[in-house]
PDB file of N, CA and C in Angstrom:
ATOM      1  N   MET A   1     -19.403  79.546 -67.632  1.00  0.00           N
ATOM      2  CA  MET A   1     -19.185  78.994 -68.965  1.00  0.00           C
ATOM      3  C   MET A   1     -18.793  77.385 -68.682  1.00  0.00           C
ATOM      4  N   VAL A   2     -18.157  76.658 -67.831  1.00  0.00           N
ATOM      5  CA  VAL A   2     -17.751  76.055 -67.565  1.00  0.00           C
ATOM      6  C   VAL A   2     -19.236  74.876 -67.553  1.00  0.00           C
ATOM      7  N   CYS A   3     -20.440  75.169 -66.975  1.00  0.00           N
ATOM      8  CA  CYS A   3     -21.694  74.328 -67.014  1.00  0.00           C
ATOM      9  C   CYS A   3     -22.542  73.995 -68.539  1.00  0.00           C
ATOM     10  N   GLY A   4     -22.513  75.017 -69.179  1.00  0.00           N
ATOM     11  CA  GLY A   4     -23.442  75.457 -70.471  1.00  0.00           C
ATOM     12  C   GLY A   4     -22.209  74.129 -71.313  1.00  0.00           C
ATOM     13  N   MET A   5     -20.975  74.254 -71.314  1.00  0.00           N
ATOM     14  CA  MET A   5     -20.037  72.570 -71.916  1.00  0.00           C
ATOM     15  C   MET A   5     -20.713  71.139 -71.187  1.00  0.00           C
ATOM     16  N   PHE A   6     -21.188  70.735 -70.211  1.00  0.00           N
ATOM     17  CA  PHE A   6     -21.528  69.712 -70.112  1.00  0.00           C
ATOM     18  C   PHE A   6     -23.257  69.743 -70.138  1.00  0.00           C
ATOM     19  N   ARG A   7     -23.721  70.695 -70.589  1.00  0.00           N
ATOM     20  CA  ARG A   7     -25.284  70.166 -71.106  1.00  0.00           C
ATOM     21  C   ARG A   7     -25.502  69.470 -71.777  1.00  0.00           C
ATOM     22  N   ASN A   8     -26.964  68.894 -71.222  1.00  0.00           N
ATOM     23  CA  ASN A   8     -27.684  67.744 -72.098  1.00  0.00           C
ATOM     24  C   ASN A   8     -27.791  68.269 -73.611  1.00  0.00           C
ATOM     25  N   LYS A   9     -27.586  67.743 -74.474  1.00  0.00           N
ATOM     26  CA  LYS A   9     -27.834  68.099 -75.637  1.00  0.00           C
ATOM     27  C   LYS A   9     -29.395  67.028 -76.366  1.00  0.00           C
ATOM     28  N   GLY A  10     -29.865  66.364 -75.906  1.00  0.00           N
ATOM     29  CA  GLY A  10     -31.093  65.929 -75.863  1.00  0.00           C
ATOM     30  C   GLY A  10     -31.063  64.389 -76.364  1.00  0.00           C
ATOM     31  N   PHE A  11     -29.693  64.589 -76.683  1.00  0.00           N
ATOM     32  CA  PHE A  11     -29.187  62.585 -77.123  1.00  0.00           C
ATOM     33  C   PHE A  11     -29.670  61.929 -75.740  1.00  0.00           C
ATOM     34  N   ILE A  12     -30.429  60.953 -76.309  1.00  0.00           N
ATOM     35  CA  ILE A  12     -30.126  59.333 -75.466  1.00  0.00           C
ATOM     36  C   ILE A  12     -30.107  58.681 -75.564  1.00  0.00           C
ATOM     37  N   PHE A  13     -29.134  58.479 -75.545  1.00  0.00           N
ATOM     38  CA  PHE A  13     -28.326  56.496 -75.479  1.00  0.00           C
ATOM     39  C   PHE A  13     -29.296  55.156 -75.302  1.00  0.00           C
ATOM     40  N   THR A  14     -29.622  54.260 -75.713  1.00  0.00           N
ATOM     41  CA  THR A  14     -29.988  52.794 -75.407  1.00  0.00           C
ATOM     42  C   THR A  14     -29.916  52.115 -75.674  1.00  0.00           C
ATOM     43  N   ASN A  15     -29.480  50.952 -75.089  1.00  0.00           N
ATOM     44  CA  ASN A  15     -29.880  49.630 -76.418  1.00  0.00           C
ATOM     45  C   ASN A  15     -30.956  48.733 -76.219  1.00  0.00           C
ATOM     46  N   LYS A  16     -32.222  50.039 -75.987  1.00  0.00           N
ATOM     47  CA  LYS A  16     -34.126  49.322 -75.787  1.00  0.00           C
ATOM     48  C   LYS A  16     -33.979  49.504 -77.513  1.00  0.00           C
ATOM     49  N   GLU A  17     -34.765  48.310 -77.795  1.00  0.00           N
ATOM     50  CA  GLU A  17     -35.647  48.323 -79.322  1.00  0.00           C
ATOM     51  C   GLU A  17     -37.201  47.725 -78.967  1.00  0.00           C
ATOM     52  N   TYR A  18     -37.411  47.892 -80.559  1.00  0.00           N
ATOM     53  CA  TYR A  18     -39.217  47.394 -80.214  1.00  0.00           C
ATOM     54  C   TYR A  18     -39.212  45.921 -80.213  1.00  0.00           C
ATOM     55  N   SER A  19     -40.265  45.997 -79.229  1.00  0.00           N
ATOM     56  CA  SER A  19     -40.624  43.962 -79.546  1.00  0.00           C
ATOM     57  C   SER A  19     -40.837  43.632 -80.564  1.00  0.00           C
ATOM     58  N   LYS A  20     -40.640  42.119 -81.247  1.00  0.00           N
ATOM     59  CA  LYS A  20     -40.925  41.519 -82.476  1.00  0.00           C
ATOM     60  C   LYS A  20     -42.884  41.296 -81.949  1.00  0.00           C
ATOM     61  N   THR A  21     -42.929  40.479 -80.554  1.00  0.00           N
ATOM     62  CA  THR A  21     -44.145  40.351 -80.497  1.00  0.00           C
ATOM     63  C   THR A  21     -45.294  41.886 -80.686  1.00  0.00           C
ATOM     64  N   GLY A  22     -44.840  42.562 -80.121  1.00  0.00           N
ATOM     65  CA  GLY A  22     -45.480  43.660 -80.161  1.00  0.00           C
ATOM     66  C   GLY A  22     -46.206  44.025 -81.396  1.00  0.00           C
ATOM     67  N   ILE A  23     -44.884  44.029 -82.313  1.00  0.00           N
ATOM     68  CA  ILE A  23     -45.235  44.101 -83.716  1.00  0.00           C
ATOM     69  C   ILE A  23     -46.409  43.148 -84.678  1.00  0.00           C
ATOM     70  N   MET A  24     -45.752  42.341 -84.225  1.00  0.00           N
ATOM     71  CA  MET A  24     -47.049  41.468 -84.810  1.00  0.00           C
ATOM     72  C   MET A  24     -48.050  40.900 -84.546  1.00  0.00           C
ATOM     73  N   SER A  25     -48.242  41.601 -82.891  1.00  0.00           N
ATOM     74  CA  SER A  25     -49.628  42.139 -82.448  1.00  0.00           C
ATOM     75  C   SER A  25     -50.435  43.072 -83.102  1.00  0.00           C
ATOM     76  N   THR A  26     -49.391  44.117 -83.121  1.00  0.00           N
ATOM     77  CA  THR A  26     -50.359  45.241 -83.879  1.00  0.00           C
ATOM     78  C   THR A  26     -50.482  45.091 -85.411  1.00  0.00           C
ATOM     79  N   VAL A  27     -49.829  44.245 -85.809  1.00  0.00           N
ATOM     80  CA  VAL A  27     -50.131  43.755 -87.299  1.00  0.00           C
ATOM     81  C   VAL A  27     -51.649  43.011 -87.875  1.00  0.00           C
ATOM     82  N   PHE A  28     -51.280  41.728 -86.521  1.00  0.00           N
ATOM     83  CA  PHE A  28     -52.498  41.288 -86.628  1.00  0.00           C
ATOM     84  C   PHE A  28     -53.899  41.805 -85.706  1.00  0.00           C
ATOM     85  N   GLY A  29     -53.731  42.869 -85.025  1.00  0.00           N
ATOM     86  CA  GLY A  29     -54.610  43.669 -84.818  1.00  0.00           C
ATOM     87  C   GLY A  29     -55.242  43.973 -85.606  1.00  0.00           C
ATOM     88  N   VAL A  30     -54.109  44.960 -86.988  1.00  0.00           N
ATOM     89  CA  VAL A  30     -55.076  45.418 -88.188  1.00  0.00           C
ATOM     90  C   VAL A  30     -55.647  44.333 -89.169  1.00  0.00           C
ATOM     91  N   LEU A  31     -54.658  43.318 -89.469  1.00  0.00           N
ATOM     92  CA  LEU A  31     -55.368  42.656 -90.392  1.00  0.00           C
ATOM     93  C   LEU A  31     -56.429  42.157 -89.764  1.00  0.00           C
ATOM     94  N   SER A  32     -57.112  41.766 -87.922  1.00  0.00           N
ATOM     95  CA  SER A  32     -58.121  41.716 -87.928  1.00  0.00           C
ATOM     96  C   SER A  32     -59.858  42.650 -87.881  1.00  0.00           C
ATOM     97  N   PHE A  33     -59.061  43.822 -88.011  1.00  0.00           N
ATOM     98  CA  PHE A  33     -59.827  45.109 -88.832  1.00  0.00           C
ATOM     99  C   PHE A  33     -60.359  45.333 -89.323  1.00  0.00           C
ATOM    100  N   ALA A  34     -59.341  44.757 -90.766  1.00  0.00           N
ATOM    101  CA  ALA A  34     -59.071  44.800 -92.210  1.00  0.00           C
ATOM    102  C   ALA A  34     -60.158  43.932 -92.306  1.00  0.00           C
ATOM    103  N   THR A  35     -60.243  42.601 -91.793  1.00  0.00           N
ATOM    104  CA  THR A  35     -61.297  41.787 -92.333  1.00  0.00           C
ATOM    105  C   THR A  35     -62.119  41.744 -92.465  1.00  0.00           C
ATOM    106  N   LEU A  36     -62.477  42.328 -90.721  1.00  0.00           N
ATOM    107  CA  LEU A  36     -63.942  42.674 -90.368  1.00  0.00           C
ATOM    108  C   LEU A  36     -64.512  43.944 -91.224  1.00  0.00           C
ATOM    109  N   GLY A  37     -64.087  44.945 -91.402  1.00  0.00           N
ATOM    110  CA  GLY A  37     -64.572  46.044 -91.897  1.00  0.00           C
ATOM    111  C   GLY A  37     -64.396  45.501 -93.522  1.00  0.00           C
ATOM    112  N   THR A  38     -63.910  45.261 -94.292  1.00  0.00           N
ATOM    113  CA  THR A  38     -64.453  44.468 -95.367  1.00  0.00           C
ATOM    114  C   THR A  38     -65.530  43.663 -95.375  1.00  0.00           C
ATOM    115  N   ALA A  39     -65.820  42.273 -94.722  1.00  0.00           N
ATOM    116  CA  ALA A  39     -66.600  41.622 -94.822  1.00  0.00           C
ATOM    117  C   ALA A  39     -68.181  42.521 -94.305  1.00  0.00           C
ATOM    118  N   VAL A  40     -68.007  43.472 -93.355  1.00  0.00           N
ATOM    119  CA  VAL A  40     -68.975  44.123 -93.337  1.00  0.00           C
ATOM    120  C   VAL A  40     -69.021  44.696 -94.640  1.00  0.00           C
ATOM    121  N   TYR A  41     -68.727  45.880 -94.621  1.00  0.00           N
ATOM    122  CA  TYR A  41     -68.848  46.374 -96.559  1.00  0.00           C
ATOM    123  C   TYR A  41     -69.284  45.592 -97.559  1.00  0.00           C
ATOM    124  N   LEU A  42     -68.659  44.994 -97.773  1.00  0.00           N
ATOM    125  CA  LEU A  42     -69.186  43.641 -99.329  1.00  0.00           C
ATOM    126  C   LEU A  42     -70.472  42.998 -98.671  1.00  0.00           C
ATOM    127  N   SER A  43     -70.979  42.803 -97.598  1.00  0.00           N
ATOM    128  CA  SER A  43     -71.934  42.584 -96.498  1.00  0.00           C
ATOM    129  C   SER A  43     -72.925  43.492 -97.332  1.00  0.00           C
ATOM    130  N   TYR A  44     -72.774  44.495 -96.585  1.00  0.00           N
ATOM    131  CA  TYR A  44     -73.540  46.546 -96.966  1.00  0.00           C
ATOM    132  C   TYR A  44     -73.826  46.068 -98.412  1.00  0.00           C
ATOM    133  N   GLN A  45     -73.009  46.376 -99.446  1.00  0.00           N
ATOM    134  CA  GLN A  45     -72.747  46.291-100.316  1.00  0.00           C
ATOM    135  C   GLN A  45     -73.813  45.066-101.293  1.00  0.00           C
ATOM    136  N   ASN A  46     -73.920  43.931-101.136  1.00  0.00           N
ATOM    137  CA  ASN A  46     -74.898  42.616-101.110  1.00  0.00           C
ATOM    138  C   ASN A  46     -76.156  43.209-100.523  1.00  0.00           C
ATOM    139  N   GLY A  47     -76.449  44.397-100.211  1.00  0.00           N
ATOM    140  CA  GLY A  47     -77.715  44.666 -99.908  1.00  0.00           C
ATOM    141  C   GLY A  47     -77.967  43.553 -98.616  1.00  0.00           C
ATOM    142  N   GLY A  48     -76.780  43.792 -97.668  1.00  0.00           N
ATOM    143  CA  GLY A  48     -77.091  43.095 -95.986  1.00  0.00           C
ATOM    144  C   GLY A  48     -77.297  41.718 -96.008  1.00  0.00           C
ATOM    145  N   ALA A  49     -77.301  40.921 -97.461  1.00  0.00           N
ATOM    146  CA  ALA A  49     -76.789  39.513 -97.254  1.00  0.00           C
ATOM    147  C   ALA A  49     -75.550  39.640 -97.179  1.00  0.00           C
ATOM    148  N   SER A  50     -75.565  38.213 -96.379  1.00  0.00           N
ATOM    149  CA  SER A  50     -74.534  37.277 -95.941  1.00  0.00           C
ATOM    150  C   SER A  50     -73.984  36.453 -96.977  1.00  0.00           C
ATOM    151  N   SER A  51     -72.572  36.271 -96.876  1.00  0.00           N
ATOM    152  CA  SER A  51     -72.894  34.910 -97.911  1.00  0.00           C
ATOM    153  C   SER A  51     -71.324  33.605 -96.423  1.00  0.00           C
ATOM    154  N   ALA A  52     -71.369  32.689 -97.026  1.00  0.00           N
ATOM    155  CA  ALA A  52     -70.057  32.182 -96.033  1.00  0.00           C
ATOM    156  C   ALA A  52     -69.289  32.094 -96.239  1.00  0.00           C
ATOM    157  N   ARG A  53     -68.702  33.169 -97.411  1.00  0.00           N
ATOM    158  CA  ARG A  53     -67.127  33.572 -97.704  1.00  0.00           C
ATOM    159  C   ARG A  53     -67.100  35.175 -96.037  1.00  0.00           C
ATOM    160  N   TYR A  54     -68.286  35.622 -96.040  1.00  0.00           N
ATOM    161  CA  TYR A  54     -68.023  36.421 -95.147  1.00  0.00           C
ATOM    162  C   TYR A  54     -67.793  36.435 -93.424  1.00  0.00           C
ATOM    163  N   GLY A  55     -68.453  34.548 -93.348  1.00  0.00           N
ATOM    164  CA  GLY A  55     -69.062  34.133 -91.957  1.00  0.00           C
ATOM    165  C   GLY A  55     -67.166  33.379 -91.647  1.00  0.00           C
ATOM    166  N   ALA A  56     -66.644  33.215 -93.217  1.00  0.00           N
ATOM    167  CA  ALA A  56     -65.004  32.499 -92.801  1.00  0.00           C
ATOM    168  C   ALA A  56     -64.149  33.759 -92.513  1.00  0.00           C
ATOM    169  N   ALA A  57     -64.353  35.168 -93.337  1.00  0.00           N
ATOM    170  CA  ALA A  57     -63.662  35.494 -93.020  1.00  0.00           C
ATOM    171  C   ALA A  57     -63.468  36.373 -91.734  1.00  0.00           C
ATOM    172  N   ALA A  58     -64.949  36.583 -91.015  1.00  0.00           N
ATOM    173  CA  ALA A  58     -64.947  36.687 -89.786  1.00  0.00           C
ATOM    174  C   ALA A  58     -64.502  35.914 -89.076  1.00  0.00           C
ATOM    175  N   PHE A  59     -64.288  34.271 -89.244  1.00  0.00           N
ATOM    176  CA  PHE A  59     -63.963  33.550 -88.445  1.00  0.00           C
ATOM    177  C   PHE A  59     -62.182  33.533 -88.120  1.00  0.00           C
ATOM    178  N   LEU A  60     -61.262  33.817 -89.608  1.00  0.00           N
ATOM    179  CA  LEU A  60     -60.282  33.726 -89.713  1.00  0.00           C
ATOM    180  C   LEU A  60     -59.508  35.742 -88.980  1.00  0.00           C
ATOM    181  N   ALA A  61     -60.762  37.052 -88.542  1.00  0.00           N
ATOM    182  CA  ALA A  61     -60.596  37.489 -88.132  1.00  0.00           C
ATOM    183  C   ALA A  61     -60.341  36.818 -86.258  1.00  0.00           C
ATOM    184  N   VAL A  62     -61.200  36.543 -85.855  1.00  0.00           N
ATOM    185  CA  VAL A  62     -61.400  35.766 -84.196  1.00  0.00           C
ATOM    186  C   VAL A  62     -60.179  35.363 -84.126  1.00  0.00           C
ATOM    187  N   ILE A  63     -59.115  34.549 -85.445  1.00  0.00           N
ATOM    188  CA  ILE A  63     -58.502  33.789 -84.768  1.00  0.00           C
ATOM    189  C   ILE A  63     -56.887  34.846 -84.409  1.00  0.00           C
ATOM    190  N   PHE A  64     -57.229  35.888 -85.893  1.00  0.00           N
ATOM    191  CA  PHE A  64     -56.631  36.783 -85.837  1.00  0.00           C
ATOM    192  C   PHE A  64     -56.164  37.919 -84.688  1.00  0.00           C
ATOM    193  N   TRP A  65     -57.757  38.390 -84.349  1.00  0.00           N
ATOM    194  CA  TRP A  65     -57.656  38.728 -82.783  1.00  0.00           C
ATOM    195  C   TRP A  65     -57.148  38.264 -81.812  1.00  0.00           C
ATOM    196  N   ALA A  66     -57.667  36.601 -81.983  1.00  0.00           N
ATOM    197  CA  ALA A  66     -56.721  36.217 -80.767  1.00  0.00           C
ATOM    198  C   ALA A  66     -55.214  35.948 -80.493  1.00  0.00           C
ATOM    199  N   ALA A  67     -54.218  35.988 -81.758  1.00  0.00           N
ATOM    200  CA  ALA A  67     -53.479  35.111 -81.579  1.00  0.00           C
ATOM    201  C   ALA A  67     -52.680  37.049 -81.462  1.00  0.00           C
ATOM    202  N   GLY A  68     -53.321  37.927 -81.748  1.00  0.00           N
ATOM    203  CA  GLY A  68     -52.811  39.289 -81.787  1.00  0.00           C
ATOM    204  C   GLY A  68     -52.955  39.667 -80.959  1.00  0.00           C
ATOM    205  N   MET A  69     -53.830  39.523 -79.770  1.00  0.00           N
ATOM    206  CA  MET A  69     -53.929  39.900 -78.143  1.00  0.00           C
ATOM    207  C   MET A  69     -52.817  38.820 -77.463  1.00  0.00           C
ATOM    208  N   MET A  70     -52.703  37.601 -77.720  1.00  0.00           N
ATOM    209  CA  MET A  70     -51.977  36.826 -76.794  1.00  0.00           C
ATOM    210  C   MET A  70     -50.583  37.528 -77.109  1.00  0.00           C
ATOM    211  N   LEU A  71     -50.126  38.260 -78.200  1.00  0.00           N
ATOM    212  CA  LEU A  71     -48.837  38.141 -78.532  1.00  0.00           C
ATOM    213  C   LEU A  71     -48.704  39.161 -78.164  1.00  0.00           C
ATOM    214  N   GLY A  72     -49.475  40.245 -78.063  1.00  0.00           N
ATOM    215  CA  GLY A  72     -49.386  41.322 -77.119  1.00  0.00           C
ATOM    216  C   GLY A  72     -49.562  41.330 -75.950  1.00  0.00           C
ATOM    217  N   ILE A  73     -49.959  41.178 -75.015  1.00  0.00           N
ATOM    218  CA  ILE A  73     -49.997  40.711 -73.844  1.00  0.00           C
ATOM    219  C   ILE A  73     -48.555  39.651 -73.645  1.00  0.00           C
ATOM    220  N   TYR A  74     -48.441  38.943 -74.409  1.00  0.00           N
ATOM    221  CA  TYR A  74     -47.222  38.388 -73.388  1.00  0.00           C
ATOM    222  C   TYR A  74     -45.941  39.448 -74.223  1.00  0.00           C
ATOM    223  N   SER A  75     -45.964  40.488 -75.089  1.00  0.00           N
ATOM    224  CA  SER A  75     -44.622  41.311 -75.543  1.00  0.00           C
ATOM    225  C   SER A  75     -44.728  42.571 -73.503  1.00  0.00           C
ATOM    226  N   THR A  76     -45.776  42.417 -72.774  1.00  0.00           N
ATOM    227  CA  THR A  76     -45.563  43.216 -71.965  1.00  0.00           C
ATOM    228  C   THR A  76     -44.800  42.768 -71.080  1.00  0.00           C
ATOM    229  N   THR A  77     -44.273  41.299 -70.797  1.00  0.00           N
ATOM    230  CA  THR A  77     -43.314  41.117 -70.400  1.00  0.00           C
ATOM    231  C   THR A  77     -41.727  40.384 -70.415  1.00  0.00           C
ATOM    232  N   GLU A  78     -41.997  41.692 -71.448  1.00  0.00           N
ATOM    233  CA  GLU A  78     -40.196  41.502 -72.147  1.00  0.00           C
ATOM    234  C   GLU A  78     -39.568  43.148 -71.738  1.00  0.00           C
ATOM    235  N   LYS A  79     -38.841  42.761 -70.983  1.00  0.00           N
ATOM    236  CA  LYS A  79     -38.031  43.859 -70.264  1.00  0.00           C
ATOM    237  C   LYS A  79     -37.077  44.506 -71.752  1.00  0.00           C
ATOM    238  N   GLU A  80     -36.630  45.671 -71.336  1.00  0.00           N
ATOM    239  CA  GLU A  80     -35.844  46.371 -72.133  1.00  0.00           C
ATOM    240  C   GLU A  80     -36.353  46.666 -73.222  1.00  0.00           C
ATOM    241  N   LYS A  81     -37.326  47.207 -73.578  1.00  0.00           N
ATOM    242  CA  LYS A  81     -37.998  47.162 -74.911  1.00  0.00           C
ATOM    243  C   LYS A  81     -39.078  48.601 -75.101  1.00  0.00           C
ATOM    244  N   PHE A  82     -39.164  49.258 -75.931  1.00  0.00           N
ATOM    245  CA  PHE A  82     -39.925  49.596 -76.448  1.00  0.00           C
ATOM    246  C   PHE A  82     -41.938  49.824 -76.250  1.00  0.00           C
ATOM    247  N   ARG A  83     -42.025  50.483 -75.892  1.00  0.00           N
ATOM    248  CA  ARG A  83     -44.160  49.932 -75.996  1.00  0.00           C
ATOM    249  C   ARG A  83     -44.588  50.248 -77.036  1.00  0.00           C
ATOM    250  N   LEU A  84     -44.006  50.984 -77.663  1.00  0.00           N
ATOM    251  CA  LEU A  84     -45.005  51.731 -78.588  1.00  0.00           C
ATOM    252  C   LEU A  84     -46.181  50.231 -79.042  1.00  0.00           C
ATOM    253  N   PHE A  85     -45.072  49.413 -79.995  1.00  0.00           N
ATOM    254  CA  PHE A  85     -46.162  48.787 -80.467  1.00  0.00           C
ATOM    255  C   PHE A  85     -47.281  47.328 -79.671  1.00  0.00           C
ATOM    256  N   THR A  86     -46.859  47.753 -78.404  1.00  0.00           N
ATOM    257  CA  THR A  86     -47.418  46.645 -77.865  1.00  0.00           C
ATOM    258  C   THR A  86     -48.524  46.950 -77.086  1.00  0.00           C
ATOM    259  N   VAL A  87     -48.464  48.495 -76.937  1.00  0.00           N
ATOM    260  CA  VAL A  87     -49.775  48.760 -76.426  1.00  0.00           C
ATOM    261  C   VAL A  87     -50.625  49.120 -77.741  1.00  0.00           C
ATOM    262  N   LEU A  88     -50.146  49.808 -79.137  1.00  0.00           N
ATOM    263  CA  LEU A  88     -51.176  50.162 -80.066  1.00  0.00           C
ATOM    264  C   LEU A  88     -51.956  48.337 -80.514  1.00  0.00           C
ATOM    265  N   GLY A  89     -50.710  47.521 -79.712  1.00  0.00           N
ATOM    266  CA  GLY A  89     -51.146  45.864 -80.595  1.00  0.00           C
ATOM    267  C   GLY A  89     -52.394  46.141 -80.193  1.00  0.00           C
ATOM    268  N   ILE A  90     -52.505  45.779 -78.168  1.00  0.00           N
ATOM    269  CA  ILE A  90     -53.638  45.474 -77.875  1.00  0.00           C
ATOM    270  C   ILE A  90     -55.013  46.557 -77.919  1.00  0.00           C
ATOM    271  N   PHE A  91     -54.475  47.485 -78.334  1.00  0.00           N
ATOM    272  CA  PHE A  91     -55.636  48.400 -78.137  1.00  0.00           C
ATOM    273  C   PHE A  91     -56.155  47.698 -79.826  1.00  0.00           C
ATOM    274  N   VAL A  92     -55.541  48.538 -80.391  1.00  0.00           N
ATOM    275  CA  VAL A  92     -56.150  47.873 -81.866  1.00  0.00           C
ATOM    276  C   VAL A  92     -56.699  46.589 -82.149  1.00  0.00           C
ATOM    277  N   ASN A  93     -56.071  45.211 -81.329  1.00  0.00           N
ATOM    278  CA  ASN A  93     -57.392  44.274 -81.368  1.00  0.00           C
ATOM    279  C   ASN A  93     -58.231  44.088 -80.175  1.00  0.00           C
ATOM    280  N   LEU A  94     -58.615  44.931 -79.266  1.00  0.00           N
ATOM    281  CA  LEU A  94     -59.614  45.545 -78.541  1.00  0.00           C
ATOM    282  C   LEU A  94     -60.299  46.043 -79.387  1.00  0.00           C
ATOM    283  N   LEU A  95     -59.862  47.417 -80.304  1.00  0.00           N
ATOM    284  CA  LEU A  95     -60.997  47.660 -81.072  1.00  0.00           C
ATOM    285  C   LEU A  95     -61.666  46.454 -82.120  1.00  0.00           C
ATOM    286  N   ALA A  96     -61.008  45.953 -82.510  1.00  0.00           N
ATOM    287  CA  ALA A  96     -61.429  44.385 -83.567  1.00  0.00           C
ATOM    288  C   ALA A  96     -62.398  43.637 -83.032  1.00  0.00           C
ATOM    289  N   PHE A  97     -61.799  43.275 -81.295  1.00  0.00           N
ATOM    290  CA  PHE A  97     -62.981  42.725 -80.195  1.00  0.00           C
ATOM    291  C   PHE A  97     -64.454  43.706 -80.529  1.00  0.00           C
ATOM    292  N   GLY A  98     -63.960  44.661 -80.546  1.00  0.00           N
ATOM    293  CA  GLY A  98     -65.274  45.170 -80.238  1.00  0.00           C
ATOM    294  C   GLY A  98     -66.220  45.389 -81.274  1.00  0.00           C
ATOM    295  N   MET A  99     -65.799  45.433 -82.531  1.00  0.00           N
ATOM    296  CA  MET A  99     -66.245  45.316 -83.679  1.00  0.00           C
ATOM    297  C   MET A  99     -67.136  44.074 -84.026  1.00  0.00           C
ATOM    298  N   LEU A 100     -65.983  43.329 -83.685  1.00  0.00           N
ATOM    299  CA  LEU A 100     -66.958  41.925 -83.586  1.00  0.00           C
ATOM    300  C   LEU A 100     -68.252  41.784 -82.205  1.00  0.00           C
ATOM    301  N   SER A 101     -67.618  42.364 -81.585  1.00  0.00           N
ATOM    302  CA  SER A 101     -69.081  42.528 -80.793  1.00  0.00           C
ATOM    303  C   SER A 101     -70.441  43.169 -81.033  1.00  0.00           C
ATOM    304  N   LEU A 102     -69.938  44.547 -82.076  1.00  0.00           N
ATOM    305  CA  LEU A 102     -71.086  44.374 -82.125  1.00  0.00           C
ATOM    306  C   LEU A 102     -71.904  44.241 -83.099  1.00  0.00           C
ATOM    307  N   ILE A 103     -70.981  43.112 -84.232  1.00  0.00           N
ATOM    308  CA  ILE A 103     -71.648  42.624 -85.337  1.00  0.00           C
ATOM    309  C   ILE A 103     -72.714  41.925 -84.866  1.00  0.00           C
ATOM    310  N   LEU A 104     -72.160  41.067 -83.661  1.00  0.00           N
ATOM    311  CA  LEU A 104     -72.520  39.833 -83.004  1.00  0.00           C
ATOM    312  C   LEU A 104     -73.961  39.789 -82.590  1.00  0.00           C
ATOM    313  N   PHE A 105     -73.486  41.477 -81.820  1.00  0.00           N
ATOM    314  CA  PHE A 105     -74.710  42.172 -81.219  1.00  0.00           C
ATOM    315  C   PHE A 105     -76.135  42.156 -82.076  1.00  0.00           C
ATOM    316  N   ALA A 106     -75.949  43.218 -83.155  1.00  0.00           N
ATOM    317  CA  ALA A 106     -76.472  43.447 -84.382  1.00  0.00           C
ATOM    318  C   ALA A 106     -77.114  42.141 -85.091  1.00  0.00           C
ATOM    319  N   GLY A 107     -75.968  41.383 -85.128  1.00  0.00           N
ATOM    320  CA  GLY A 107     -77.232  40.251 -85.664  1.00  0.00           C
ATOM    321  C   GLY A 107     -78.010  39.571 -84.788  1.00  0.00           C
ATOM    322  N   ALA A 108     -77.595  39.483 -83.818  1.00  0.00           N
ATOM    323  CA  ALA A 108     -78.559  38.783 -83.119  1.00  0.00           C
ATOM    324  C   ALA A 108     -79.700  39.616 -82.356  1.00  0.00           C
ATOM    325  N   TYR A 109     -79.955  40.894 -82.748  1.00  0.00           N
ATOM    326  CA  TYR A 109     -80.763  41.567 -82.260  1.00  0.00           C
ATOM    327  C   TYR A 109     -81.807  42.073 -83.703  1.00  0.00           C
ATOM    328  N   VAL A 110     -81.435  42.083 -84.749  1.00  0.00           N
ATOM    329  CA  VAL A 110     -82.029  42.695 -85.805  1.00  0.00           C
ATOM    330  C   VAL A 110     -82.487  41.896 -86.755  1.00  0.00           C
ATOM    331  N   GLU A 111     -84.063  41.873 -87.150  1.00  0.00           N
ATOM    332  CA  GLU A 111     -84.646  40.945 -87.471  1.00  0.00           C
ATOM    333  C   GLU A 111     -84.723  40.683 -89.150  1.00  0.00           C
TER     334      GLU A 111
END
């Protein structure tokens, strides 16, 4: 009976918190992915014709991607932080990079 009194109830007390740079990395990755997706969708709606606006949006997405990736990598060095947003930010930024790579690859080989 005494052993049951000291049983672990499932509570974990910690002073860890989420990394602010990891959260910003995730936000930049989502912005980059959404910007590229919107540019592709609007170009599709326009019959495949792109304009300077879509190119500027893609350039802005590259800036978001680069900043998000740098913040994500930097947030891996922080101690005593939860890693959810760090890993999520790096993953979403890699997805945005893959999407940008596919757009550039398709643009180079489609006439």
